[in-house]
């Protein structure tokens, strides 16, 4: 039986893998700071959808 994976799910996996590769050699504390910063920006965008997203 062949399972079907959506294009969106494949994109999430690719994003996750690329992020892991980018961060794997950075010390744990700096990785956590980076993740906290990204989560904070995402929460702000969700909380204030009319504002333009910060492009990094």
PDB file of N, CA and C in Angstrom:
ATOM      1  N   UNK A   1       0.837  -1.182   0.000  1.00  0.00           N
ATOM      2  CA  UNK A   1       0.000   0.000   0.000  1.00  0.00           C
ATOM      3  C   UNK A   1       0.888   1.254   0.000  1.00  0.00           C
ATOM      4  N   UNK A   2       0.625   2.119  -0.917  1.00  0.00           N
ATOM      5  CA  UNK A   2       1.418   3.352  -1.046  1.00  0.00           C
ATOM      6  C   UNK A   2       0.702   4.495  -0.341  1.00  0.00           C
ATOM      7  N   UNK A   3       1.425   5.147   0.578  1.00  0.00           N
ATOM      8  CA  UNK A   3       0.822   6.296   1.251  1.00  0.00           C
ATOM      9  C   UNK A   3       1.141   7.560   0.466  1.00  0.00           C
ATOM     10  N   UNK A   4       0.228   8.494   0.489  1.00  0.00           N
ATOM     11  CA  UNK A   4       0.427   9.744  -0.235  1.00  0.00           C
ATOM     12  C   UNK A   4       0.779  10.840   0.764  1.00  0.00           C
ATOM     13  N   UNK A   5       1.792  11.595   0.417  1.00  0.00           N
ATOM     14  CA  UNK A   5       2.240  12.700   1.251  1.00  0.00           C
ATOM     15  C   UNK A   5       1.971  13.988   0.471  1.00  0.00           C
ATOM     16  N   UNK A   6       1.368  14.939   1.148  1.00  0.00           N
ATOM     17  CA  UNK A   6       1.038  16.191   0.464  1.00  0.00           C
ATOM     18  C   UNK A   6       2.300  16.988   0.155  1.00  0.00           C
ATOM     19  N   UNK A   7       2.199  17.842  -0.829  1.00  0.00           N
ATOM     20  CA  UNK A   7       3.302  18.731  -1.206  1.00  0.00           C
ATOM     21  C   UNK A   7       3.681  19.627  -0.025  1.00  0.00           C
ATOM     22  N   UNK A   8       2.672  20.088   0.706  1.00  0.00           N
ATOM     23  CA  UNK A   8       2.939  20.942   1.868  1.00  0.00           C
ATOM     24  C   UNK A   8       3.759  20.195   2.914  1.00  0.00           C
ATOM     25  N   UNK A   9       3.436  18.928   3.159  1.00  0.00           N
ATOM     26  CA  UNK A   9       4.184  18.149   4.145  1.00  0.00           C
ATOM     27  C   UNK A   9       5.621  17.945   3.682  1.00  0.00           C
ATOM     28  N   UNK A  10       5.814  17.686   2.413  1.00  0.00           N
ATOM     29  CA  UNK A  10       7.175  17.541   1.881  1.00  0.00           C
ATOM     30  C   UNK A  10       7.961  18.835   2.054  1.00  0.00           C
ATOM     31  N   UNK A  11       7.310  19.980   1.831  1.00  0.00           N
ATOM     32  CA  UNK A  11       7.976  21.272   2.008  1.00  0.00           C
ATOM     33  C   UNK A  11       8.375  21.497   3.462  1.00  0.00           C
ATOM     34  N   UNK A  12       7.505  21.083   4.394  1.00  0.00           N
ATOM     35  CA  UNK A  12       7.830  21.216   5.826  1.00  0.00           C
ATOM     36  C   UNK A  12       9.042  20.363   6.150  1.00  0.00           C
ATOM     37  N   UNK A  13       9.084  19.132   5.657  1.00  0.00           N
ATOM     38  CA  UNK A  13      10.227  18.252   5.925  1.00  0.00           C
ATOM     39  C   UNK A  13      11.508  18.835   5.344  1.00  0.00           C
ATOM     40  N   UNK A  14      11.434  19.365   4.138  1.00  0.00           N
ATOM     41  CA  UNK A  14      12.619  19.974   3.516  1.00  0.00           C
ATOM     42  C   UNK A  14      13.093  21.182   4.321  1.00  0.00           C
ATOM     43  N   UNK A  15      12.136  22.014   4.769  1.00  0.00           N
ATOM     44  CA  UNK A  15      12.489  23.180   5.581  1.00  0.00           C
ATOM     45  C   UNK A  15      13.155  22.741   6.888  1.00  0.00           C
ATOM     46  N   UNK A  16      12.573  21.739   7.540  1.00  0.00           N
ATOM     47  CA  UNK A  16      13.113  21.236   8.802  1.00  0.00           C
ATOM     48  C   UNK A  16      14.520  20.704   8.607  1.00  0.00           C
ATOM     49  N   UNK A  17      14.737  19.935   7.556  1.00  0.00           N
ATOM     50  CA  UNK A  17      16.067  19.380   7.283  1.00  0.00           C
ATOM     51  C   UNK A  17      17.085  20.477   6.989  1.00  0.00           C
ATOM     52  N   UNK A  18      16.683  21.491   6.228  1.00  0.00           N
ATOM     53  CA  UNK A  18      17.626  22.567   5.911  1.00  0.00           C
ATOM     54  C   UNK A  18      17.955  23.380   7.160  1.00  0.00           C
ATOM     55  N   UNK A  19      16.974  23.601   8.009  1.00  0.00           N
ATOM     56  CA  UNK A  19      17.213  24.322   9.261  1.00  0.00           C
ATOM     57  C   UNK A  19      18.147  23.524  10.164  1.00  0.00           C
ATOM     58  N   UNK A  20      17.938  22.220  10.245  1.00  0.00           N
ATOM     59  CA  UNK A  20      18.813  21.374  11.051  1.00  0.00           C
ATOM     60  C   UNK A  20      20.255  21.465  10.547  1.00  0.00           C
ATOM     61  N   UNK A  21      20.433  21.366   9.237  1.00  0.00           N
ATOM     62  CA  UNK A  21      21.781  21.452   8.670  1.00  0.00           C
ATOM     63  C   UNK A  21      22.432  22.795   8.987  1.00  0.00           C
ATOM     64  N   UNK A  22      21.632  23.857   8.941  1.00  0.00           N
ATOM     65  CA  UNK A  22      22.140  25.195   9.205  1.00  0.00           C
ATOM     66  C   UNK A  22      22.574  25.363  10.663  1.00  0.00           C
ATOM     67  N   UNK A  23      21.866  24.699  11.580  1.00  0.00           N
ATOM     68  CA  UNK A  23      22.093  24.923  13.006  1.00  0.00           C
ATOM     69  C   UNK A  23      22.884  23.825  13.723  1.00  0.00           C
ATOM     70  N   UNK A  24      23.138  22.706  13.083  1.00  0.00           N
ATOM     71  CA  UNK A  24      23.695  21.564  13.802  1.00  0.00           C
ATOM     72  C   UNK A  24      25.079  21.811  14.402  1.00  0.00           C
ATOM     73  N   UNK A  25      25.863  22.712  13.855  1.00  0.00           N
ATOM     74  CA  UNK A  25      27.215  22.949  14.372  1.00  0.00           C
ATOM     75  C   UNK A  25      27.298  24.180  15.274  1.00  0.00           C
ATOM     76  N   UNK A  26      26.158  24.735  15.598  1.00  0.00           N
ATOM     77  CA  UNK A  26      26.112  25.907  16.481  1.00  0.00           C
ATOM     78  C   UNK A  26      25.849  25.404  17.903  1.00  0.00           C
ATOM     79  N   UNK A  27      26.495  26.000  18.903  1.00  0.00           N
ATOM     80  CA  UNK A  27      26.268  25.571  20.284  1.00  0.00           C
ATOM     81  C   UNK A  27      24.778  25.616  20.663  1.00  0.00           C
ATOM     82  N   UNK A  28      24.399  24.708  21.538  1.00  0.00           N
ATOM     83  CA  UNK A  28      22.993  24.536  21.919  1.00  0.00           C
ATOM     84  C   UNK A  28      22.344  25.842  22.370  1.00  0.00           C
ATOM     85  N   UNK A  29      23.004  26.614  23.209  1.00  0.00           N
ATOM     86  CA  UNK A  29      22.419  27.847  23.722  1.00  0.00           C
ATOM     87  C   UNK A  29      22.123  28.842  22.596  1.00  0.00           C
ATOM     88  N   UNK A  30      23.021  28.934  21.622  1.00  0.00           N
ATOM     89  CA  UNK A  30      22.791  29.842  20.491  1.00  0.00           C
ATOM     90  C   UNK A  30      21.677  29.327  19.592  1.00  0.00           C
ATOM     91  N   UNK A  31      21.582  28.012  19.437  1.00  0.00           N
ATOM     92  CA  UNK A  31      20.469  27.438  18.658  1.00  0.00           C
ATOM     93  C   UNK A  31      19.145  27.795  19.301  1.00  0.00           C
ATOM     94  N   UNK A  32      19.079  27.659  20.625  1.00  0.00           N
ATOM     95  CA  UNK A  32      17.838  27.974  21.329  1.00  0.00           C
ATOM     96  C   UNK A  32      17.486  29.455  21.206  1.00  0.00           C
ATOM     97  N   UNK A  33      18.485  30.320  21.289  1.00  0.00           N
ATOM     98  CA  UNK A  33      18.236  31.755  21.109  1.00  0.00           C
ATOM     99  C   UNK A  33      17.687  32.044  19.713  1.00  0.00           C
ATOM    100  N   UNK A  34      18.257  31.405  18.710  1.00  0.00           N
ATOM    101  CA  UNK A  34      17.802  31.578  17.329  1.00  0.00           C
ATOM    102  C   UNK A  34      16.342  31.137  17.193  1.00  0.00           C
ATOM    103  N   UNK A  35      16.025  29.978  17.762  1.00  0.00           N
ATOM    104  CA  UNK A  35      14.657  29.452  17.684  1.00  0.00           C
ATOM    105  C   UNK A  35      13.699  30.375  18.419  1.00  0.00           C
ATOM    106  N   UNK A  36      14.096  30.855  19.602  1.00  0.00           N
ATOM    107  CA  UNK A  36      13.240  31.781  20.354  1.00  0.00           C
ATOM    108  C   UNK A  36      12.945  33.036  19.537  1.00  0.00           C
ATOM    109  N   UNK A  37      13.965  33.570  18.874  1.00  0.00           N
ATOM    110  CA  UNK A  37      13.793  34.769  18.067  1.00  0.00           C
ATOM    111  C   UNK A  37      12.796  34.514  16.927  1.00  0.00           C
ATOM    112  N   UNK A  38      12.949  33.387  16.237  1.00  0.00           N
ATOM    113  CA  UNK A  38      12.048  33.056  15.129  1.00  0.00           C
ATOM    114  C   UNK A  38      10.612  32.866  15.616  1.00  0.00           C
ATOM    115  N   UNK A  39      10.453  32.188  16.760  1.00  0.00           N
ATOM    116  CA  UNK A  39       9.113  31.961  17.306  1.00  0.00           C
ATOM    117  C   UNK A  39       8.480  33.292  17.698  1.00  0.00           C
ATOM    118  N   UNK A  40       9.266  34.169  18.312  1.00  0.00           N
ATOM    119  CA  UNK A  40       8.745  35.479  18.711  1.00  0.00           C
ATOM    120  C   UNK A  40       8.245  36.257  17.493  1.00  0.00           C
ATOM    121  N   UNK A  41       9.026  36.256  16.406  1.00  0.00           N
ATOM    122  CA  UNK A  41       8.614  36.962  15.189  1.00  0.00           C
ATOM    123  C   UNK A  41       7.330  36.355  14.612  1.00  0.00           C
ATOM    124  N   UNK A  42       7.246  35.035  14.635  1.00  0.00           N
ATOM    125  CA  UNK A  42       6.063  34.359  14.108  1.00  0.00           C
ATOM    126  C   UNK A  42       4.842  34.710  14.932  1.00  0.00           C
ATOM    127  N   UNK A  43       4.976  34.703  16.260  1.00  0.00           N
ATOM    128  CA  UNK A  43       3.857  35.054  17.139  1.00  0.00           C
ATOM    129  C   UNK A  43       3.425  36.493  16.894  1.00  0.00           C
ATOM    130  N   UNK A  44       4.383  37.394  16.725  1.00  0.00           N
ATOM    131  CA  UNK A  44       4.045  38.796  16.457  1.00  0.00           C
ATOM    132  C   UNK A  44       3.286  38.920  15.141  1.00  0.00           C
ATOM    133  N   UNK A  45       3.695  38.172  14.130  1.00  0.00           N
ATOM    134  CA  UNK A  45       3.011  38.232  12.831  1.00  0.00           C
ATOM    135  C   UNK A  45       1.590  37.688  12.937  1.00  0.00           C
ATOM    136  N   UNK A  46       1.416  36.642  13.736  1.00  0.00           N
ATOM    137  CA  UNK A  46       0.079  36.070  13.917  1.00  0.00           C
ATOM    138  C   UNK A  46      -0.788  37.030  14.711  1.00  0.00           C
ATOM    139  N   UNK A  47      -0.205  37.666  15.715  1.00  0.00           N
ATOM    140  CA  UNK A  47      -0.947  38.580  16.576  1.00  0.00           C
ATOM    141  C   UNK A  47      -1.304  39.881  15.866  1.00  0.00           C
ATOM    142  N   UNK A  48      -0.471  40.293  14.902  1.00  0.00           N
ATOM    143  CA  UNK A  48      -0.671  41.550  14.186  1.00  0.00           C
ATOM    144  C   UNK A  48      -0.582  41.290  12.678  1.00  0.00           C
ATOM    145  N   UNK A  49      -1.570  40.610  12.113  1.00  0.00           N
ATOM    146  CA  UNK A  49      -1.481  40.213  10.696  1.00  0.00           C
ATOM    147  C   UNK A  49      -1.466  41.369   9.708  1.00  0.00           C
ATOM    148  N   UNK A  50      -1.915  42.544  10.107  1.00  0.00           N
ATOM    149  CA  UNK A  50      -1.935  43.667   9.162  1.00  0.00           C
ATOM    150  C   UNK A  50      -0.566  44.276   8.947  1.00  0.00           C
ATOM    151  N   UNK A  51       0.374  44.002   9.864  1.00  0.00           N
ATOM    152  CA  UNK A  51       1.732  44.532   9.711  1.00  0.00           C
ATOM    153  C   UNK A  51       2.503  43.693   8.707  1.00  0.00           C
ATOM    154  N   UNK A  52       3.427  44.342   8.001  1.00  0.00           N
ATOM    155  CA  UNK A  52       4.235  43.613   7.031  1.00  0.00           C
ATOM    156  C   UNK A  52       5.229  42.719   7.766  1.00  0.00           C
ATOM    157  N   UNK A  53       5.473  41.493   7.270  1.00  0.00           N
ATOM    158  CA  UNK A  53       6.449  40.611   7.911  1.00  0.00           C
ATOM    159  C   UNK A  53       7.857  41.150   7.749  1.00  0.00           C
ATOM    160  N   UNK A  54       8.693  40.866   8.733  1.00  0.00           N
ATOM    161  CA  UNK A  54      10.104  41.262   8.708  1.00  0.00           C
ATOM    162  C   UNK A  54      10.851  40.288   7.813  1.00  0.00           C
ATOM    163  N   UNK A  55      11.405  40.775   6.729  1.00  0.00           N
ATOM    164  CA  UNK A  55      12.132  39.916   5.791  1.00  0.00           C
ATOM    165  C   UNK A  55      13.591  39.913   6.183  1.00  0.00           C
ATOM    166  N   UNK A  56      14.118  38.722   6.470  1.00  0.00           N
ATOM    167  CA  UNK A  56      15.512  38.626   6.905  1.00  0.00           C
ATOM    168  C   UNK A  56      16.386  38.110   5.798  1.00  0.00           C
TER     169      UNK A  56
END
